[in-house]
Amino acid sequence: MSELFDSAPEAVAAPAAMKDLLPGWQRVRDTNYLQSPCGRVRIYRSGPIPGTSGQSYPVYVQLAGEWVSVRTCRLELAPAASLAKQVLEELAEQLP
């Protein structure tokens, strides 16, 4: 999947697309980077989709070598983070 977006245009993402960012993530002004809790992540957008004039493009970030949309990140990573937190809290309760 990564080769699909390797040639993606390096353009500043539309502000409308930023509403899908995970908590703790921010745009780095005047750059093509997002600041995540783990460091900076390069962002790309896909090319225009035929028949969608005037709509914002999806924003993609590269996580662990895979390109995923910011919306996908929110759907897949947020539940995983809350589950990990719950497991850690349960383990902490079992400590002497």
PDB file of N, CA and C in Angstrom:
ATOM      1  N   MET A   1       0.814  -1.192   0.000  1.00  0.00           N
ATOM      2  CA  MET A   1       0.000   0.000   0.000  1.00  0.00           C
ATOM      3  C   MET A   1       0.858   1.257   0.000  1.00  0.00           C
ATOM      4  N   SER A   2       2.053   1.191   0.581  1.00  0.00           N
ATOM      5  CA  SER A   2       2.869   2.392   0.684  1.00  0.00           C
ATOM      6  C   SER A   2       3.253   2.936  -0.682  1.00  0.00           C
ATOM      7  N   GLU A   3       3.484   2.051  -1.676  1.00  0.00           N
ATOM      8  CA  GLU A   3       3.885   2.549  -2.982  1.00  0.00           C
ATOM      9  C   GLU A   3       2.785   3.378  -3.633  1.00  0.00           C
ATOM     10  N   LEU A   4       1.557   3.171  -3.228  1.00  0.00           N
ATOM     11  CA  LEU A   4       0.450   3.940  -3.773  1.00  0.00           C
ATOM     12  C   LEU A   4       0.580   5.415  -3.424  1.00  0.00           C
ATOM     13  N   PHE A   5       1.125   5.718  -2.253  1.00  0.00           N
ATOM     14  CA  PHE A   5       1.193   7.097  -1.793  1.00  0.00           C
ATOM     15  C   PHE A   5       2.603   7.670  -1.787  1.00  0.00           C
ATOM     16  N   ASP A   6       3.610   6.877  -2.188  1.00  0.00           N
ATOM     17  CA  ASP A   6       4.971   7.399  -2.216  1.00  0.00           C
ATOM     18  C   ASP A   6       5.086   8.609  -3.124  1.00  0.00           C
ATOM     19  N   SER A   7       4.280   8.651  -4.183  1.00  0.00           N
ATOM     20  CA  SER A   7       4.355   9.761  -5.118  1.00  0.00           C
ATOM     21  C   SER A   7       3.263  10.795  -4.853  1.00  0.00           C
ATOM     22  N   ALA A   8       2.650  10.740  -3.688  1.00  0.00           N
ATOM     23  CA  ALA A   8       1.584  11.685  -3.355  1.00  0.00           C
ATOM     24  C   ALA A   8       2.128  13.107  -3.356  1.00  0.00           C
ATOM     25  N   PRO A   9       1.324  14.060  -3.799  1.00  0.00           N
ATOM     26  CA  PRO A   9       1.798  15.441  -3.814  1.00  0.00           C
ATOM     27  C   PRO A   9       2.051  15.939  -2.400  1.00  0.00           C
ATOM     28  N   GLU A  10       3.174  16.626  -2.218  1.00  0.00           N
ATOM     29  CA  GLU A  10       3.487  17.188  -0.903  1.00  0.00           C
ATOM     30  C   GLU A  10       2.807  18.542  -0.817  1.00  0.00           C
ATOM     31  N   ALA A  11       1.586  18.545  -0.328  1.00  0.00           N
ATOM     32  CA  ALA A  11       0.819  19.778  -0.250  1.00  0.00           C
ATOM     33  C   ALA A  11       0.282  19.947   1.160  1.00  0.00           C
ATOM     34  N   VAL A  12       0.067  21.192   1.534  1.00  0.00           N
ATOM     35  CA  VAL A  12      -0.493  21.451   2.859  1.00  0.00           C
ATOM     36  C   VAL A  12      -1.933  20.958   2.865  1.00  0.00           C
ATOM     37  N   ALA A  13      -2.289  20.191   3.859  1.00  0.00           N
ATOM     38  CA  ALA A  13      -3.628  19.613   3.924  1.00  0.00           C
ATOM     39  C   ALA A  13      -4.663  20.690   4.218  1.00  0.00           C
ATOM     40  N   ALA A  14      -5.858  20.475   3.704  1.00  0.00           N
ATOM     41  CA  ALA A  14      -6.939  21.426   3.935  1.00  0.00           C
ATOM     42  C   ALA A  14      -7.298  21.457   5.415  1.00  0.00           C
ATOM     43  N   PRO A  15      -7.542  22.647   5.969  1.00  0.00           N
ATOM     44  CA  PRO A  15      -7.883  22.736   7.398  1.00  0.00           C
ATOM     45  C   PRO A  15      -9.086  21.886   7.774  1.00  0.00           C
ATOM     46  N   ALA A  16     -10.047  21.719   6.848  1.00  0.00           N
ATOM     47  CA  ALA A  16     -11.243  20.926   7.145  1.00  0.00           C
ATOM     48  C   ALA A  16     -10.879  19.495   7.501  1.00  0.00           C
ATOM     49  N   ALA A  17      -9.819  18.965   6.907  1.00  0.00           N
ATOM     50  CA  ALA A  17      -9.433  17.580   7.161  1.00  0.00           C
ATOM     51  C   ALA A  17      -8.824  17.409   8.544  1.00  0.00           C
ATOM     52  N   MET A  18      -8.391  18.501   9.165  1.00  0.00           N
ATOM     53  CA  MET A  18      -7.709  18.405  10.453  1.00  0.00           C
ATOM     54  C   MET A  18      -8.660  18.050  11.599  1.00  0.00           C
ATOM     55  N   LYS A  19      -9.965  18.160  11.363  1.00  0.00           N
ATOM     56  CA  LYS A  19     -10.904  17.854  12.447  1.00  0.00           C
ATOM     57  C   LYS A  19     -10.852  16.389  12.855  1.00  0.00           C
ATOM     58  N   ASP A  20     -10.276  15.533  11.991  1.00  0.00           N
ATOM     59  CA  ASP A  20     -10.206  14.105  12.278  1.00  0.00           C
ATOM     60  C   ASP A  20      -8.944  13.704  13.031  1.00  0.00           C
ATOM     61  N   LEU A  21      -8.141  14.680  13.463  1.00  0.00           N
ATOM     62  CA  LEU A  21      -6.891  14.336  14.144  1.00  0.00           C
ATOM     63  C   LEU A  21      -7.147  13.684  15.496  1.00  0.00           C
ATOM     64  N   LEU A  22      -6.266  12.775  15.858  1.00  0.00           N
ATOM     65  CA  LEU A  22      -6.333  12.162  17.181  1.00  0.00           C
ATOM     66  C   LEU A  22      -6.042  13.199  18.250  1.00  0.00           C
ATOM     67  N   PRO A  23      -6.569  13.021  19.462  1.00  0.00           N
ATOM     68  CA  PRO A  23      -6.226  13.921  20.565  1.00  0.00           C
ATOM     69  C   PRO A  23      -4.717  13.939  20.778  1.00  0.00           C
ATOM     70  N   GLY A  24      -4.163  15.133  21.018  1.00  0.00           N
ATOM     71  CA  GLY A  24      -2.727  15.247  21.236  1.00  0.00           C
ATOM     72  C   GLY A  24      -1.931  15.478  19.963  1.00  0.00           C
ATOM     73  N   TRP A  25      -2.581  15.418  18.791  1.00  0.00           N
ATOM     74  CA  TRP A  25      -1.893  15.666  17.523  1.00  0.00           C
ATOM     75  C   TRP A  25      -2.158  17.102  17.096  1.00  0.00           C
ATOM     76  N   GLN A  26      -1.160  17.760  16.513  1.00  0.00           N
ATOM     77  CA  GLN A  26      -1.317  19.135  16.044  1.00  0.00           C
ATOM     78  C   GLN A  26      -0.619  19.308  14.709  1.00  0.00           C
ATOM     79  N   ARG A  27      -1.126  20.261  13.908  1.00  0.00           N
ATOM     80  CA  ARG A  27      -0.421  20.640  12.678  1.00  0.00           C
ATOM     81  C   ARG A  27       0.790  21.477  13.057  1.00  0.00           C
ATOM     82  N   VAL A  28       1.901  21.291  12.341  1.00  0.00           N
ATOM     83  CA  VAL A  28       3.061  22.167  12.492  1.00  0.00           C
ATOM     84  C   VAL A  28       2.907  23.233  11.415  1.00  0.00           C
ATOM     85  N   ARG A  29       2.711  24.472  11.841  1.00  0.00           N
ATOM     86  CA  ARG A  29       2.389  25.570  10.917  1.00  0.00           C
ATOM     87  C   ARG A  29       3.377  25.685   9.766  1.00  0.00           C
ATOM     88  N   ASP A  30       2.825  25.914   8.573  1.00  0.00           N
ATOM     89  CA  ASP A  30       3.616  26.150   7.357  1.00  0.00           C
ATOM     90  C   ASP A  30       4.529  24.981   6.995  1.00  0.00           C
ATOM     91  N   THR A  31       4.171  23.764   7.412  1.00  0.00           N
ATOM     92  CA  THR A  31       4.950  22.581   7.043  1.00  0.00           C
ATOM     93  C   THR A  31       4.002  21.467   6.617  1.00  0.00           C
ATOM     94  N   ASN A  32       4.567  20.377   6.150  1.00  0.00           N
ATOM     95  CA  ASN A  32       3.789  19.179   5.821  1.00  0.00           C
ATOM     96  C   ASN A  32       3.929  18.147   6.928  1.00  0.00           C
ATOM     97  N   TYR A  33       3.980  18.595   8.161  1.00  0.00           N
ATOM     98  CA  TYR A  33       4.146  17.678   9.287  1.00  0.00           C
ATOM     99  C   TYR A  33       3.008  17.825  10.280  1.00  0.00           C
ATOM    100  N   LEU A  34       2.726  16.713  10.956  1.00  0.00           N
ATOM    101  CA  LEU A  34       1.875  16.722  12.142  1.00  0.00           C
ATOM    102  C   LEU A  34       2.773  16.437  13.328  1.00  0.00           C
ATOM    103  N   GLN A  35       2.468  17.054  14.456  1.00  0.00           N
ATOM    104  CA  GLN A  35       3.183  16.733  15.685  1.00  0.00           C
ATOM    105  C   GLN A  35       2.308  15.760  16.460  1.00  0.00           C
ATOM    106  N   SER A  36       2.800  14.554  16.657  1.00  0.00           N
ATOM    107  CA  SER A  36       2.056  13.554  17.418  1.00  0.00           C
ATOM    108  C   SER A  36       2.709  13.417  18.783  1.00  0.00           C
ATOM    109  N   PRO A  37       2.043  12.746  19.729  1.00  0.00           N
ATOM    110  CA  PRO A  37       2.684  12.518  21.035  1.00  0.00           C
ATOM    111  C   PRO A  37       3.998  11.753  20.904  1.00  0.00           C
ATOM    112  N   CYS A  38       4.199  11.032  19.796  1.00  0.00           N
ATOM    113  CA  CYS A  38       5.415  10.230  19.609  1.00  0.00           C
ATOM    114  C   CYS A  38       6.459  10.933  18.747  1.00  0.00           C
ATOM    115  N   GLY A  39       6.174  12.136  18.262  1.00  0.00           N
ATOM    116  CA  GLY A  39       7.112  12.829  17.390  1.00  0.00           C
ATOM    117  C   GLY A  39       6.417  13.334  16.137  1.00  0.00           C
ATOM    118  N   ARG A  40       7.210  13.843  15.211  1.00  0.00           N
ATOM    119  CA  ARG A  40       6.630  14.395  13.987  1.00  0.00           C
ATOM    120  C   ARG A  40       6.323  13.308  12.967  1.00  0.00           C
ATOM    121  N   VAL A  41       5.206  13.479  12.269  1.00  0.00           N
ATOM    122  CA  VAL A  41       4.777  12.537  11.242  1.00  0.00           C
ATOM    123  C   VAL A  41       4.556  13.324   9.956  1.00  0.00           C
ATOM    124  N   ARG A  42       5.152  12.865   8.862  1.00  0.00           N
ATOM    125  CA  ARG A  42       4.974  13.531   7.564  1.00  0.00           C
ATOM    126  C   ARG A  42       3.569  13.266   7.054  1.00  0.00           C
ATOM    127  N   ILE A  43       2.930  14.270   6.487  1.00  0.00           N
ATOM    128  CA  ILE A  43       1.584  14.073   5.945  1.00  0.00           C
ATOM    129  C   ILE A  43       1.576  14.283   4.436  1.00  0.00           C
ATOM    130  N   TYR A  44       0.699  13.570   3.787  1.00  0.00           N
ATOM    131  CA  TYR A  44       0.465  13.702   2.350  1.00  0.00           C
ATOM    132  C   TYR A  44      -1.035  13.678   2.135  1.00  0.00           C
ATOM    133  N   ARG A  45      -1.472  14.218   1.017  1.00  0.00           N
ATOM    134  CA  ARG A  45      -2.865  14.007   0.672  1.00  0.00           C
ATOM    135  C   ARG A  45      -2.943  13.267  -0.639  1.00  0.00           C
ATOM    136  N   SER A  46      -4.059  12.601  -0.823  1.00  0.00           N
ATOM    137  CA  SER A  46      -4.255  11.872  -2.076  1.00  0.00           C
ATOM    138  C   SER A  46      -4.603  12.869  -3.173  1.00  0.00           C
ATOM    139  N   GLY A  47      -4.541  12.418  -4.403  1.00  0.00           N
ATOM    140  CA  GLY A  47      -4.950  13.270  -5.513  1.00  0.00           C
ATOM    141  C   GLY A  47      -6.455  13.457  -5.514  1.00  0.00           C
ATOM    142  N   PRO A  48      -6.935  14.421  -6.294  1.00  0.00           N
ATOM    143  CA  PRO A  48      -8.390  14.653  -6.346  1.00  0.00           C
ATOM    144  C   PRO A  48      -9.123  13.407  -6.841  1.00  0.00           C
ATOM    145  N   ILE A  49     -10.225  13.121  -6.233  1.00  0.00           N
ATOM    146  CA  ILE A  49     -11.049  11.985  -6.655  1.00  0.00           C
ATOM    147  C   ILE A  49     -12.012  12.501  -7.722  1.00  0.00           C
ATOM    148  N   PRO A  50     -12.112  11.815  -8.868  1.00  0.00           N
ATOM    149  CA  PRO A  50     -13.011  12.296  -9.928  1.00  0.00           C
ATOM    150  C   PRO A  50     -14.433  12.501  -9.409  1.00  0.00           C
ATOM    151  N   GLY A  51     -15.031  13.616  -9.781  1.00  0.00           N
ATOM    152  CA  GLY A  51     -16.408  13.893  -9.384  1.00  0.00           C
ATOM    153  C   GLY A  51     -16.561  14.471  -7.993  1.00  0.00           C
ATOM    154  N   THR A  52     -15.472  14.888  -7.367  1.00  0.00           N
ATOM    155  CA  THR A  52     -15.577  15.447  -6.011  1.00  0.00           C
ATOM    156  C   THR A  52     -14.995  16.857  -5.977  1.00  0.00           C
ATOM    157  N   SER A  53     -15.339  17.668  -6.942  1.00  0.00           N
ATOM    158  CA  SER A  53     -14.780  19.018  -6.991  1.00  0.00           C
ATOM    159  C   SER A  53     -15.217  19.814  -5.766  1.00  0.00           C
ATOM    160  N   GLY A  54     -14.279  20.561  -5.215  1.00  0.00           N
ATOM    161  CA  GLY A  54     -14.580  21.419  -4.076  1.00  0.00           C
ATOM    162  C   GLY A  54     -14.552  20.721  -2.733  1.00  0.00           C
ATOM    163  N   GLN A  55     -14.336  19.407  -2.701  1.00  0.00           N
ATOM    164  CA  GLN A  55     -14.286  18.703  -1.419  1.00  0.00           C
ATOM    165  C   GLN A  55     -12.843  18.547  -0.967  1.00  0.00           C
ATOM    166  N   SER A  56     -12.638  18.496   0.331  1.00  0.00           N
ATOM    167  CA  SER A  56     -11.268  18.355   0.838  1.00  0.00           C
ATOM    168  C   SER A  56     -10.750  16.949   0.576  1.00  0.00           C
ATOM    169  N   TYR A  57      -9.439  16.839   0.401  1.00  0.00           N
ATOM    170  CA  TYR A  57      -8.816  15.540   0.140  1.00  0.00           C
ATOM    171  C   TYR A  57      -8.606  14.792   1.445  1.00  0.00           C
ATOM    172  N   PRO A  58      -8.577  13.458   1.388  1.00  0.00           N
ATOM    173  CA  PRO A  58      -8.207  12.696   2.587  1.00  0.00           C
ATOM    174  C   PRO A  58      -6.757  12.993   2.966  1.00  0.00           C
ATOM    175  N   VAL A  59      -6.470  12.985   4.240  1.00  0.00           N
ATOM    176  CA  VAL A  59      -5.106  13.200   4.724  1.00  0.00           C
ATOM    177  C   VAL A  59      -4.553  11.860   5.169  1.00  0.00           C
ATOM    178  N   TYR A  60      -3.317  11.558   4.769  1.00  0.00           N
ATOM    179  CA  TYR A  60      -2.692  10.286   5.116  1.00  0.00           C
ATOM    180  C   TYR A  60      -1.461  10.523   5.971  1.00  0.00           C
ATOM    181  N   VAL A  61      -1.245   9.659   6.946  1.00  0.00           N
ATOM    182  CA  VAL A  61      -0.015   9.693   7.740  1.00  0.00           C
ATOM    183  C   VAL A  61       0.634   8.324   7.652  1.00  0.00           C
ATOM    184  N   GLN A  62       1.935   8.287   7.871  1.00  0.00           N
ATOM    185  CA  GLN A  62       2.653   7.016   7.821  1.00  0.00           C
ATOM    186  C   GLN A  62       2.930   6.565   9.251  1.00  0.00           C
ATOM    187  N   LEU A  63       2.350   5.435   9.630  1.00  0.00           N
ATOM    188  CA  LEU A  63       2.538   4.861  10.958  1.00  0.00           C
ATOM    189  C   LEU A  63       3.086   3.458  10.789  1.00  0.00           C
ATOM    190  N   ALA A  64       4.198   3.182  11.420  1.00  0.00           N
ATOM    191  CA  ALA A  64       4.821   1.853  11.361  1.00  0.00           C
ATOM    192  C   ALA A  64       4.989   1.388   9.918  1.00  0.00           C
ATOM    193  N   GLY A  65       5.359   2.308   9.042  1.00  0.00           N
ATOM    194  CA  GLY A  65       5.630   1.948   7.661  1.00  0.00           C
ATOM    195  C   GLY A  65       4.411   1.805   6.770  1.00  0.00           C
ATOM    196  N   GLU A  66       3.207   1.993   7.318  1.00  0.00           N
ATOM    197  CA  GLU A  66       1.986   1.863   6.525  1.00  0.00           C
ATOM    198  C   GLU A  66       1.303   3.223   6.401  1.00  0.00           C
ATOM    199  N   TRP A  67       0.818   3.521   5.203  1.00  0.00           N
ATOM    200  CA  TRP A  67       0.060   4.759   5.011  1.00  0.00           C
ATOM    201  C   TRP A  67      -1.400   4.512   5.371  1.00  0.00           C
ATOM    202  N   VAL A  68      -1.927   5.314   6.267  1.00  0.00           N
ATOM    203  CA  VAL A  68      -3.336   5.196   6.637  1.00  0.00           C
ATOM    204  C   VAL A  68      -3.930   6.595   6.715  1.00  0.00           C
ATOM    205  N   SER A  69      -5.221   6.695   6.489  1.00  0.00           N
ATOM    206  CA  SER A  69      -5.849   8.010   6.570  1.00  0.00           C
ATOM    207  C   SER A  69      -5.974   8.418   8.026  1.00  0.00           C
ATOM    208  N   VAL A  70      -6.013   9.732   8.251  1.00  0.00           N
ATOM    209  CA  VAL A  70      -6.149  10.223   9.622  1.00  0.00           C
ATOM    210  C   VAL A  70      -7.456   9.714  10.222  1.00  0.00           C
ATOM    211  N   ARG A  71      -8.502   9.649   9.416  1.00  0.00           N
ATOM    212  CA  ARG A  71      -9.786   9.120   9.909  1.00  0.00           C
ATOM    213  C   ARG A  71      -9.626   7.657  10.323  1.00  0.00           C
ATOM    214  N   THR A  72      -8.900   6.868   9.531  1.00  0.00           N
ATOM    215  CA  THR A  72      -8.656   5.466   9.883  1.00  0.00           C
ATOM    216  C   THR A  72      -7.876   5.377  11.183  1.00  0.00           C
ATOM    217  N   CYS A  73      -6.898   6.256  11.355  1.00  0.00           N
ATOM    218  CA  CYS A  73      -6.122   6.265  12.599  1.00  0.00           C
ATOM    219  C   CYS A  73      -7.053   6.446  13.788  1.00  0.00           C
ATOM    220  N   ARG A  74      -7.975   7.369  13.655  1.00  0.00           N
ATOM    221  CA  ARG A  74      -8.874   7.651  14.766  1.00  0.00           C
ATOM    222  C   ARG A  74      -9.730   6.426  15.083  1.00  0.00           C
ATOM    223  N   LEU A  75     -10.250   5.767  14.056  1.00  0.00           N
ATOM    224  CA  LEU A  75     -11.138   4.627  14.272  1.00  0.00           C
ATOM    225  C   LEU A  75     -10.398   3.418  14.828  1.00  0.00           C
ATOM    226  N   GLU A  76      -9.158   3.194  14.361  1.00  0.00           N
ATOM    227  CA  GLU A  76      -8.460   1.971  14.746  1.00  0.00           C
ATOM    228  C   GLU A  76      -7.584   2.141  15.979  1.00  0.00           C
ATOM    229  N   LEU A  77      -6.982   3.317  16.159  1.00  0.00           N
ATOM    230  CA  LEU A  77      -6.028   3.490  17.251  1.00  0.00           C
ATOM    231  C   LEU A  77      -6.680   3.957  18.547  1.00  0.00           C
ATOM    232  N   ALA A  78      -7.717   4.775  18.459  1.00  0.00           N
ATOM    233  CA  ALA A  78      -8.346   5.266  19.681  1.00  0.00           C
ATOM    234  C   ALA A  78      -8.933   4.120  20.514  1.00  0.00           C
ATOM    235  N   PRO A  79      -9.707   3.185  19.930  1.00  0.00           N
ATOM    236  CA  PRO A  79     -10.205   2.063  20.733  1.00  0.00           C
ATOM    237  C   PRO A  79      -9.072   1.202  21.282  1.00  0.00           C
ATOM    238  N   ALA A  80      -8.011   1.013  20.495  1.00  0.00           N
ATOM    239  CA  ALA A  80      -6.882   0.204  20.963  1.00  0.00           C
ATOM    240  C   ALA A  80      -6.207   0.867  22.156  1.00  0.00           C
ATOM    241  N   ALA A  81      -6.093   2.188  22.133  1.00  0.00           N
ATOM    242  CA  ALA A  81      -5.461   2.911  23.242  1.00  0.00           C
ATOM    243  C   ALA A  81      -6.309   2.808  24.504  1.00  0.00           C
ATOM    244  N   SER A  82      -7.624   2.934  24.374  1.00  0.00           N
ATOM    245  CA  SER A  82      -8.469   2.853  25.565  1.00  0.00           C
ATOM    246  C   SER A  82      -8.475   1.436  26.129  1.00  0.00           C
ATOM    247  N   LEU A  83      -8.402   0.426  25.254  1.00  0.00           N
ATOM    248  CA  LEU A  83      -8.335  -0.960  25.718  1.00  0.00           C
ATOM    249  C   LEU A  83      -7.019  -1.212  26.457  1.00  0.00           C
ATOM    250  N   ALA A  84      -5.914  -0.700  25.909  1.00  0.00           N
ATOM    251  CA  ALA A  84      -4.610  -0.867  26.565  1.00  0.00           C
ATOM    252  C   ALA A  84      -4.615  -0.201  27.940  1.00  0.00           C
ATOM    253  N   LYS A  85      -5.216   0.979  28.034  1.00  0.00           N
ATOM    254  CA  LYS A  85      -5.298   1.689  29.319  1.00  0.00           C
ATOM    255  C   LYS A  85      -6.096   0.863  30.331  1.00  0.00           C
ATOM    256  N   GLN A  86      -7.207   0.286  29.875  1.00  0.00           N
ATOM    257  CA  GLN A  86      -8.043  -0.524  30.756  1.00  0.00           C
ATOM    258  C   GLN A  86      -7.267  -1.742  31.268  1.00  0.00           C
ATOM    259  N   VAL A  87      -6.534  -2.412  30.381  1.00  0.00           N
ATOM    260  CA  VAL A  87      -5.747  -3.587  30.772  1.00  0.00           C
ATOM    261  C   VAL A  87      -4.682  -3.196  31.791  1.00  0.00           C
ATOM    262  N   LEU A  88      -3.993  -2.075  31.547  1.00  0.00           N
ATOM    263  CA  LEU A  88      -2.953  -1.620  32.481  1.00  0.00           C
ATOM    264  C   LEU A  88      -3.543  -1.277  33.847  1.00  0.00           C
ATOM    265  N   GLU A  89      -4.712  -0.648  33.855  1.00  0.00           N
ATOM    266  CA  GLU A  89      -5.364  -0.320  35.129  1.00  0.00           C
ATOM    267  C   GLU A  89      -5.734  -1.588  35.894  1.00  0.00           C
ATOM    268  N   GLU A  90      -6.225  -2.593  35.168  1.00  0.00           N
ATOM    269  CA  GLU A  90      -6.583  -3.853  35.824  1.00  0.00           C
ATOM    270  C   GLU A  90      -5.348  -4.553  36.377  1.00  0.00           C
ATOM    271  N   LEU A  91      -4.244  -4.514  35.630  1.00  0.00           N
ATOM    272  CA  LEU A  91      -2.997  -5.110  36.117  1.00  0.00           C
ATOM    273  C   LEU A  91      -2.482  -4.371  37.350  1.00  0.00           C
ATOM    274  N   ALA A  92      -2.609  -3.046  37.344  1.00  0.00           N
ATOM    275  CA  ALA A  92      -2.136  -2.247  38.477  1.00  0.00           C
ATOM    276  C   ALA A  92      -2.916  -2.582  39.750  1.00  0.00           C
ATOM    277  N   GLU A  93      -4.201  -2.876  39.602  1.00  0.00           N
ATOM    278  CA  GLU A  93      -5.026  -3.235  40.761  1.00  0.00           C
ATOM    279  C   GLU A  93      -4.581  -4.556  41.381  1.00  0.00           C
ATOM    280  N   GLN A  94      -3.973  -5.432  40.567  1.00  0.00           N
ATOM    281  CA  GLN A  94      -3.563  -6.745  41.061  1.00  0.00           C
ATOM    282  C   GLN A  94      -2.196  -6.720  41.734  1.00  0.00           C
ATOM    283  N   LEU A  95      -1.477  -5.604  41.612  1.00  0.00           N
ATOM    284  CA  LEU A  95      -0.155  -5.522  42.243  1.00  0.00           C
ATOM    285  C   LEU A  95      -0.301  -5.448  43.760  1.00  0.00           C
ATOM    286  N   PRO A  96       0.646  -6.053  44.497  1.00  0.00           N
ATOM    287  CA  PRO A  96       0.550  -6.028  45.967  1.00  0.00           C
ATOM    288  C   PRO A  96       0.776  -4.633  46.519  1.00  0.00           C
TER     289      PRO A  96
END
